[in-house]
Amino acid sequence: MPASLHLLAYLLAGLTGGLLALRTGIPAAPLAGAILGAALLSVSGKLTVAEWPSGTRTALEIGIGTVIGTGLTGAALGELRQLWKPALLITLTLVMTGLVVGLWCSRLLGMDPLVALLGAAPGGISGMSLVGAEFGVGAAVAALHAVRLITVLLVLPLAVRVLLGHGNLPPPAA
């Protein structure tokens, strides 16, 4: 099967997973579903690893960055005037925790230190997977972040309901 058909199969698997996940109502459902759909096809071994055309990854990175950037509105920056202390505390705590957990996993579990540190880093799956890819460990980092992301997306809404008593959470943003 030509590489272009392999890519099309991966795109269809991701699209199907993303659309099915939309029906669940979990936060970031399209992202999580697309990851699961494409990953299930990939780990099935029925197709070779996707070979993206030159420049595609860069275009996708620009697209992801643009989507994230559009969320940084003037109102969001205005909120940072009040939230800069918690933002700083949360960021420092997450970075330090990621370093400690990454080093711990590397030493105690025998993981590659680079995979462990990038896998435990507090970034999002897309960003950290791209960083991992630049170091040649993108698939392993993506796997760690995918497990983390999907677990958080499934567990956190339930924890919020239980801990804060929010019976009806607002519907996920489209």
Protein backbone atom coordinates (compact mmCIF):
# COMPACT_ATOMS: atom_id res chain seq x y z
CA MET A 1 0.00 0.00 0.00
CA PRO A 2 1.45 3.41 -0.92
CA ALA A 3 2.53 5.75 1.88
CA SER A 4 -0.18 8.24 0.90
CA LEU A 5 -2.85 5.60 1.56
CA HIS A 6 -1.23 4.83 4.93
CA LEU A 7 -1.48 8.51 5.85
CA LEU A 8 -5.08 8.60 4.73
CA ALA A 9 -5.83 5.55 6.89
CA TYR A 10 -4.21 7.24 9.90
CA LEU A 11 -6.12 10.46 9.23
CA LEU A 12 -9.40 8.54 8.99
CA ALA A 13 -8.62 6.64 12.21
CA GLY A 14 -7.86 9.92 13.97
CA LEU A 15 -10.97 11.58 12.55
CA THR A 16 -13.16 8.65 13.56
CA GLY A 17 -11.68 8.57 17.06
CA GLY A 18 -12.08 12.32 17.43
CA LEU A 19 -15.69 12.30 16.27
CA LEU A 20 -16.59 9.33 18.48
CA ALA A 21 -14.93 10.98 21.48
CA LEU A 22 -17.00 14.12 20.91
CA ARG A 23 -20.02 12.08 21.93
CA THR A 24 -18.50 11.37 25.37
CA GLY A 25 -18.51 14.97 26.57
CA ILE A 26 -15.05 14.67 28.12
CA PRO A 27 -12.87 17.78 27.95
CA ALA A 28 -10.60 17.94 24.86
CA ALA A 29 -12.50 14.95 23.47
CA PRO A 30 -11.48 15.46 19.81
CA LEU A 31 -7.78 15.53 20.71
CA ALA A 32 -7.97 12.49 23.00
CA GLY A 33 -10.13 10.57 20.54
CA ALA A 34 -7.90 11.34 17.58
CA ILE A 35 -4.86 10.21 19.56
CA LEU A 36 -6.59 6.97 20.52
CA GLY A 37 -7.89 6.33 17.01
CA ALA A 38 -4.55 6.85 15.28
CA ALA A 39 -2.66 5.07 18.07
CA LEU A 40 -4.90 2.00 17.91
CA LEU A 41 -4.27 1.73 14.19
CA SER A 42 -0.56 2.29 14.68
CA VAL A 43 -0.11 -0.31 17.43
CA SER A 44 -2.16 -2.85 15.50
CA GLY A 45 0.88 -3.32 13.28
CA LYS A 46 -1.29 -3.49 10.18
CA LEU A 47 0.36 -0.40 8.69
CA THR A 48 3.89 0.91 8.69
CA VAL A 49 4.69 3.96 10.80
CA ALA A 50 3.30 7.12 9.22
CA GLU A 51 5.79 9.08 7.13
CA TRP A 52 4.52 12.66 6.95
CA PRO A 53 5.50 14.71 3.88
CA SER A 54 8.21 17.28 4.38
CA GLY A 55 6.87 20.44 6.00
CA THR A 56 3.67 18.80 7.25
CA ARG A 57 4.88 18.61 10.86
CA THR A 58 5.87 22.28 10.74
CA ALA A 59 2.46 23.24 9.33
CA LEU A 60 0.72 21.23 12.05
CA GLU A 61 2.89 22.83 14.75
CA ILE A 62 1.97 26.26 13.42
CA GLY A 63 -1.71 25.25 13.44
CA ILE A 64 -1.55 23.95 17.03
CA GLY A 65 0.32 27.07 18.12
CA THR A 66 -2.26 29.26 16.43
CA VAL A 67 -5.15 27.46 18.15
CA ILE A 68 -3.46 27.83 21.53
CA GLY A 69 -2.50 31.46 20.82
CA THR A 70 -6.04 32.48 19.96
CA GLY A 71 -7.08 31.46 23.47
CA LEU A 72 -4.81 34.10 24.98
CA THR A 73 -7.23 37.01 24.82
CA GLY A 74 -7.01 40.41 26.42
CA ALA A 75 -9.44 39.18 29.08
CA ALA A 76 -7.18 36.21 29.85
CA LEU A 77 -4.17 38.48 30.19
CA GLY A 78 -6.23 40.79 32.39
CA GLU A 79 -6.97 37.86 34.69
CA LEU A 80 -3.23 37.26 35.02
CA ARG A 81 -2.98 40.54 36.92
CA GLN A 82 -4.82 38.78 39.72
CA LEU A 83 -3.57 35.27 39.06
CA TRP A 84 0.15 35.82 38.51
CA LYS A 85 1.10 34.55 41.98
CA PRO A 86 -0.84 31.27 41.69
CA ALA A 87 0.36 30.93 38.07
CA LEU A 88 3.96 31.27 39.19
CA LEU A 89 3.51 28.88 42.13
CA ILE A 90 1.70 26.29 40.00
CA THR A 91 4.29 26.53 37.22
CA LEU A 92 7.30 26.21 39.52
CA THR A 93 5.69 23.36 41.44
CA LEU A 94 4.81 21.45 38.28
CA VAL A 95 8.25 21.93 36.74
CA MET A 96 10.02 20.84 39.93
CA THR A 97 7.67 17.89 40.39
CA GLY A 98 8.18 16.87 36.76
CA LEU A 99 11.95 16.95 37.21
CA VAL A 100 11.79 14.92 40.43
CA VAL A 101 9.34 12.36 39.00
CA GLY A 102 11.31 12.10 35.76
CA LEU A 103 14.60 11.51 37.53
CA TRP A 104 12.92 9.08 39.94
CA CYS A 105 11.41 7.09 37.06
CA SER A 106 14.75 7.06 35.28
CA ARG A 107 16.71 5.78 38.27
CA LEU A 108 14.19 3.49 39.94
CA LEU A 109 12.41 2.14 36.88
CA GLY A 110 15.38 2.09 34.50
CA MET A 111 13.84 4.44 31.96
CA ASP A 112 15.83 6.46 29.49
CA PRO A 113 16.43 9.74 31.37
CA LEU A 114 15.43 11.86 28.36
CA VAL A 115 12.13 10.00 27.91
CA ALA A 116 11.46 10.11 31.65
CA LEU A 117 12.13 13.85 31.97
CA LEU A 118 10.12 14.82 28.88
CA GLY A 119 7.37 12.35 29.77
CA ALA A 120 7.05 13.81 33.28
CA ALA A 121 7.21 17.40 32.09
CA PRO A 122 4.03 19.43 32.71
CA GLY A 123 3.49 20.38 29.08
CA GLY A 124 0.66 19.31 26.80
CA ILE A 125 0.83 16.21 24.67
CA SER A 126 1.29 18.04 21.38
CA GLY A 127 4.04 20.34 22.59
CA MET A 128 5.97 17.73 24.54
CA SER A 129 5.65 15.15 21.76
CA LEU A 130 7.10 17.66 19.31
CA VAL A 131 9.97 18.42 21.68
CA GLY A 132 10.51 14.68 22.11
CA ALA A 133 10.51 14.20 18.34
CA GLU A 134 13.30 16.74 18.00
CA PHE A 135 15.35 14.61 20.42
CA GLY A 136 14.39 11.37 18.64
CA VAL A 137 12.09 10.08 21.42
CA GLY A 138 8.77 11.52 20.27
CA ALA A 139 6.80 8.26 20.24
CA ALA A 140 7.75 7.32 23.80
CA VAL A 141 7.04 10.82 25.11
CA ALA A 142 3.74 10.90 23.23
CA ALA A 143 2.76 7.56 24.77
CA LEU A 144 3.47 8.78 28.31
CA HIS A 145 1.60 12.04 27.77
CA ALA A 146 -1.31 10.27 26.06
CA VAL A 147 -1.78 8.01 29.09
CA ARG A 148 -1.54 11.02 31.39
CA LEU A 149 -3.90 13.17 29.32
CA ILE A 150 -6.57 10.52 28.86
CA THR A 151 -6.42 9.58 32.55
CA VAL A 152 -6.72 13.21 33.62
CA LEU A 153 -9.59 13.84 31.18
CA LEU A 154 -11.49 10.87 32.57
CA VAL A 155 -10.69 11.26 36.28
CA LEU A 156 -10.60 15.03 36.85
CA PRO A 157 -14.23 15.83 35.91
CA LEU A 158 -15.35 13.09 38.32
CA ALA A 159 -13.05 14.41 41.04
CA VAL A 160 -14.41 17.95 40.54
CA ARG A 161 -17.96 16.67 40.90
CA VAL A 162 -17.12 14.73 44.06
CA LEU A 163 -14.81 17.26 45.72
CA LEU A 164 -16.64 20.46 44.81
CA GLY A 165 -20.17 19.10 44.60
CA HIS A 166 -20.75 20.29 41.04
CA GLY A 167 -23.49 17.97 39.87
CA ASN A 168 -23.85 19.62 36.48
CA LEU A 169 -20.64 20.76 34.87
CA PRO A 170 -20.95 23.07 31.87
CA PRO A 171 -20.76 21.34 28.48
CA PRO A 172 -17.30 21.16 26.94
CA ALA A 173 -16.29 24.08 24.73
CA ALA A 174 -16.45 23.29 21.04
